Amino acid sequence: MNQTDGNQPTILVAEDDEDNRLVMKMLLELRGYHVLVAANGHEALTLAERESPDLILMDLRMPQLNGLATARHLRQHERTDLRRVPIIALSAYDPAQHRNVALAAGCNDYVTKPINYDLLEQMIKDFLGAQQESALQEQ
């Protein structure tokens, strides 16, 4: 877990819409997270490699490299920490048609837009808690 000051998890928000990025960044920071932002999949991969986030919120529809392709790259990455980082897909697509595609690409869960931030916060806490437990068990 890459916690910037010992207790502040790092979340990477990969979202092409600037307004959505800013809102998510602000809300997550208010909840005590360190937030990194990327506007496309290439930026997300670069930031993930450099910063080793604890969790990634990934929009599925982005320019240059979409969220599905980005998730696949992370799951096949040479670094174990990046292969294991939880990825929550964010999408306005119908979950009945796209949730399984996102999971097959390597995402751990799927949230539809408009985002219910209470639900998202609980998901984040659940994933980060499970990740912390797993790290403790490996020691």
C-alpha atoms as a PDB file:
ATOM      1  CA  MET A   1       0.000   0.000   0.000  1.00  0.00           C
ATOM      2  CA  ASN A   2       1.378   3.386  -0.969  1.00  0.00           C
ATOM      3  CA  GLN A   3       0.141   5.699   1.724  1.00  0.00           C
ATOM      4  CA  THR A   4       1.684   9.117   1.303  1.00  0.00           C
ATOM      5  CA  ASP A   5       1.897  10.124   4.974  1.00  0.00           C
ATOM      6  CA  GLY A   6       1.459   6.760   6.626  1.00  0.00           C
ATOM      7  CA  ASN A   7      -2.312   6.779   6.753  1.00  0.00           C
ATOM      8  CA  GLN A   8      -3.561   8.517   3.618  1.00  0.00           C
ATOM      9  CA  PRO A   9      -4.261   6.049   0.765  1.00  0.00           C
ATOM     10  CA  THR A  10      -3.541   7.198  -2.784  1.00  0.00           C
ATOM     11  CA  ILE A  11      -6.333   6.954  -5.348  1.00  0.00           C
ATOM     12  CA  LEU A  12      -5.771   7.448  -9.061  1.00  0.00           C
ATOM     13  CA  VAL A  13      -8.780   8.893 -10.895  1.00  0.00           C
ATOM     14  CA  ALA A  14      -8.594   8.162 -14.633  1.00  0.00           C
ATOM     15  CA  GLU A  15     -11.382  10.195 -16.248  1.00  0.00           C
ATOM     16  CA  ASP A  16     -11.408  12.169 -19.495  1.00  0.00           C
ATOM     17  CA  ASP A  17     -14.111  14.666 -18.464  1.00  0.00           C
ATOM     18  CA  GLU A  18     -12.423  17.539 -16.632  1.00  0.00           C
ATOM     19  CA  ASP A  19     -15.490  18.418 -14.544  1.00  0.00           C
ATOM     20  CA  ASN A  20     -15.882  14.808 -13.393  1.00  0.00           C
ATOM     21  CA  ARG A  21     -12.166  14.643 -12.536  1.00  0.00           C
ATOM     22  CA  LEU A  22     -12.340  17.807 -10.454  1.00  0.00           C
ATOM     23  CA  VAL A  23     -15.493  16.748  -8.599  1.00  0.00           C
ATOM     24  CA  MET A  24     -14.104  13.289  -7.813  1.00  0.00           C
ATOM     25  CA  LYS A  25     -10.760  14.754  -6.740  1.00  0.00           C
ATOM     26  CA  MET A  26     -12.415  17.266  -4.433  1.00  0.00           C
ATOM     27  CA  LEU A  27     -14.819  14.754  -2.860  1.00  0.00           C
ATOM     28  CA  LEU A  28     -12.115  12.135  -2.340  1.00  0.00           C
ATOM     29  CA  GLU A  29      -9.706  14.657  -0.829  1.00  0.00           C
ATOM     30  CA  LEU A  30     -12.438  15.809   1.551  1.00  0.00           C
ATOM     31  CA  ARG A  31     -12.717  12.170   2.658  1.00  0.00           C
ATOM     32  CA  GLY A  32      -9.003  12.045   3.419  1.00  0.00           C
ATOM     33  CA  TYR A  33      -7.501  10.458   0.317  1.00  0.00           C
ATOM     34  CA  HIS A  34      -4.458  11.590  -1.650  1.00  0.00           C
ATOM     35  CA  VAL A  35      -5.742  11.887  -5.239  1.00  0.00           C
ATOM     36  CA  LEU A  36      -3.902  11.672  -8.554  1.00  0.00           C
ATOM     37  CA  VAL A  37      -5.705  12.469 -11.810  1.00  0.00           C
ATOM     38  CA  ALA A  38      -5.254  11.295 -15.386  1.00  0.00           C
ATOM     39  CA  ALA A  39      -7.180  12.386 -18.474  1.00  0.00           C
ATOM     40  CA  ASN A  40      -6.596   9.218 -20.516  1.00  0.00           C
ATOM     41  CA  GLY A  41      -5.312   5.673 -20.255  1.00  0.00           C
ATOM     42  CA  HIS A  42      -1.730   6.541 -21.193  1.00  0.00           C
ATOM     43  CA  GLU A  43      -1.541   9.126 -18.411  1.00  0.00           C
ATOM     44  CA  ALA A  44      -3.109   6.623 -16.011  1.00  0.00           C
ATOM     45  CA  LEU A  45      -0.457   3.988 -16.814  1.00  0.00           C
ATOM     46  CA  THR A  46       2.371   6.496 -16.420  1.00  0.00           C
ATOM     47  CA  LEU A  47       1.032   7.746 -13.081  1.00  0.00           C
ATOM     48  CA  ALA A  48       0.353   4.214 -11.835  1.00  0.00           C
ATOM     49  CA  GLU A  49       3.926   3.174 -12.640  1.00  0.00           C
ATOM     50  CA  ARG A  50       5.409   6.267 -11.001  1.00  0.00           C
ATOM     51  CA  GLU A  51       3.133   6.608  -7.947  1.00  0.00           C
ATOM     52  CA  SER A  52       1.875   3.051  -7.196  1.00  0.00           C
ATOM     53  CA  PRO A  53      -1.674   4.031  -6.175  1.00  0.00           C
ATOM     54  CA  ASP A  54      -3.618   1.999  -3.641  1.00  0.00           C
ATOM     55  CA  LEU A  55      -6.756   2.024  -5.820  1.00  0.00           C
ATOM     56  CA  ILE A  56      -7.769   3.197  -9.307  1.00  0.00           C
ATOM     57  CA  LEU A  57     -11.099   4.658 -10.386  1.00  0.00           C
ATOM     58  CA  MET A  58     -11.176   4.053 -14.136  1.00  0.00           C
ATOM     59  CA  ASP A  59     -13.575   5.587 -16.628  1.00  0.00           C
ATOM     60  CA  LEU A  60     -14.148   3.029 -19.372  1.00  0.00           C
ATOM     61  CA  ARG A  61     -14.522   5.559 -22.175  1.00  0.00           C
ATOM     62  CA  MET A  62     -11.378   7.650 -22.557  1.00  0.00           C
ATOM     63  CA  PRO A  63      -9.361   8.882 -25.541  1.00  0.00           C
ATOM     64  CA  GLN A  64      -6.073   7.345 -26.711  1.00  0.00           C
ATOM     65  CA  LEU A  65      -6.316   4.265 -24.469  1.00  0.00           C
ATOM     66  CA  ASN A  66      -9.715   3.381 -23.024  1.00  0.00           C
ATOM     67  CA  GLY A  67     -10.316   2.067 -19.525  1.00  0.00           C
ATOM     68  CA  LEU A  68     -10.648  -1.561 -20.590  1.00  0.00           C
ATOM     69  CA  ALA A  69      -7.310  -1.537 -22.403  1.00  0.00           C
ATOM     70  CA  THR A  70      -5.684   0.309 -19.495  1.00  0.00           C
ATOM     71  CA  ALA A  71      -6.989  -2.269 -17.013  1.00  0.00           C
ATOM     72  CA  ARG A  72      -5.643  -5.083 -19.218  1.00  0.00           C
ATOM     73  CA  HIS A  73      -2.206  -3.417 -19.347  1.00  0.00           C
ATOM     74  CA  LEU A  74      -2.149  -3.099 -15.559  1.00  0.00           C
ATOM     75  CA  ARG A  75      -3.184  -6.727 -15.033  1.00  0.00           C
ATOM     76  CA  GLN A  76      -0.346  -7.879 -17.309  1.00  0.00           C
ATOM     77  CA  HIS A  77       2.245  -5.476 -15.902  1.00  0.00           C
ATOM     78  CA  GLU A  78       5.646  -6.802 -14.848  1.00  0.00           C
ATOM     79  CA  ARG A  79       5.224  -5.236 -11.394  1.00  0.00           C
ATOM     80  CA  THR A  80       3.157  -7.318  -8.987  1.00  0.00           C
ATOM     81  CA  ASP A  81       1.856  -4.272  -7.099  1.00  0.00           C
ATOM     82  CA  LEU A  82       0.290  -2.901 -10.284  1.00  0.00           C
ATOM     83  CA  ARG A  83      -1.214  -6.255 -11.216  1.00  0.00           C
ATOM     84  CA  ARG A  84      -2.932  -6.349  -7.809  1.00  0.00           C
ATOM     85  CA  VAL A  85      -4.143  -2.758  -7.411  1.00  0.00           C
ATOM     86  CA  PRO A  86      -7.971  -2.686  -7.170  1.00  0.00           C
ATOM     87  CA  ILE A  87      -9.654  -1.063 -10.176  1.00  0.00           C
ATOM     88  CA  ILE A  88     -13.222   0.211  -9.991  1.00  0.00           C
ATOM     89  CA  ALA A  89     -14.702   0.828 -13.443  1.00  0.00           C
ATOM     90  CA  LEU A  90     -16.784   3.984 -13.843  1.00  0.00           C
ATOM     91  CA  SER A  91     -19.201   4.089 -16.735  1.00  0.00           C
ATOM     92  CA  ALA A  92     -22.453   5.473 -18.056  1.00  0.00           C
ATOM     93  CA  TYR A  93     -22.829   2.257 -20.072  1.00  0.00           C
ATOM     94  CA  ASP A  94     -25.616  -0.155 -19.148  1.00  0.00           C
ATOM     95  CA  PRO A  95     -24.155  -2.466 -16.502  1.00  0.00           C
ATOM     96  CA  ALA A  96     -26.175  -5.414 -17.821  1.00  0.00           C
ATOM     97  CA  GLN A  97     -24.105  -5.251 -21.009  1.00  0.00           C
ATOM     98  CA  HIS A  98     -20.748  -3.894 -19.837  1.00  0.00           C
ATOM     99  CA  ARG A  99     -20.135  -4.996 -16.246  1.00  0.00           C
ATOM    100  CA  ASN A 100     -18.911  -8.475 -17.236  1.00  0.00           C
ATOM    101  CA  VAL A 101     -16.705  -6.998 -19.965  1.00  0.00           C
ATOM    102  CA  ALA A 102     -15.088  -4.684 -17.402  1.00  0.00           C
ATOM    103  CA  LEU A 103     -14.563  -7.539 -14.943  1.00  0.00           C
ATOM    104  CA  ALA A 104     -13.058  -9.714 -17.681  1.00  0.00           C
ATOM    105  CA  ALA A 105     -10.631  -6.890 -18.533  1.00  0.00           C
ATOM    106  CA  GLY A 106      -9.385  -6.910 -14.947  1.00  0.00           C
ATOM    107  CA  CYS A 107     -11.593  -4.434 -13.127  1.00  0.00           C
ATOM    108  CA  ASN A 108     -12.648  -5.488  -9.639  1.00  0.00           C
ATOM    109  CA  ASP A 109     -16.032  -3.773  -9.642  1.00  0.00           C
ATOM    110  CA  TYR A 110     -18.299  -1.524 -11.686  1.00  0.00           C
ATOM    111  CA  VAL A 111     -20.071   1.731 -10.771  1.00  0.00           C
ATOM    112  CA  THR A 112     -22.551   3.447 -13.052  1.00  0.00           C
ATOM    113  CA  LYS A 113     -22.710   7.173 -13.696  1.00  0.00           C
ATOM    114  CA  PRO A 114     -24.079   9.346 -12.308  1.00  0.00           C
ATOM    115  CA  ILE A 115     -22.033   8.131  -9.383  1.00  0.00           C
ATOM    116  CA  ASN A 116     -23.544   7.463  -5.983  1.00  0.00           C
ATOM    117  CA  TYR A 117     -20.622   8.754  -3.898  1.00  0.00           C
ATOM    118  CA  ASP A 118     -21.772   7.073  -0.689  1.00  0.00           C
ATOM    119  CA  LEU A 119     -21.761   3.706  -2.474  1.00  0.00           C
ATOM    120  CA  LEU A 120     -18.406   4.479  -4.097  1.00  0.00           C
ATOM    121  CA  GLU A 121     -16.856   5.477  -0.766  1.00  0.00           C
ATOM    122  CA  GLN A 122     -17.993   2.207   0.809  1.00  0.00           C
ATOM    123  CA  MET A 123     -16.519   0.238  -2.116  1.00  0.00           C
ATOM    124  CA  ILE A 124     -13.222   2.099  -1.755  1.00  0.00           C
ATOM    125  CA  LYS A 125     -13.097   1.385   1.982  1.00  0.00           C
ATOM    126  CA  ASP A 126     -13.895  -2.290   1.376  1.00  0.00           C
ATOM    127  CA  PHE A 127     -11.174  -2.683  -1.270  1.00  0.00           C
ATOM    128  CA  LEU A 128      -8.556  -0.788   0.723  1.00  0.00           C
ATOM    129  CA  GLY A 129      -9.393  -2.772   3.854  1.00  0.00           C
ATOM    130  CA  ALA A 130      -9.089  -6.072   1.987  1.00  0.00           C
ATOM    131  CA  GLN A 131      -5.844  -4.926   0.409  1.00  0.00           C
ATOM    132  CA  GLN A 132      -4.417  -4.014   3.817  1.00  0.00           C
ATOM    133  CA  GLU A 133      -5.442  -7.384   5.283  1.00  0.00           C
ATOM    134  CA  SER A 134      -3.811  -9.206   2.365  1.00  0.00           C
ATOM    135  CA  ALA A 135      -0.570  -7.243   2.811  1.00  0.00           C
ATOM    136  CA  LEU A 136      -0.500  -8.116   6.513  1.00  0.00           C
ATOM    137  CA  GLN A 137      -1.017 -11.806   5.765  1.00  0.00           C
ATOM    138  CA  GLU A 138       1.904 -11.807   3.318  1.00  0.00           C
ATOM    139  CA  GLN A 139       4.296 -10.488   6.009  1.00  0.00           C
END
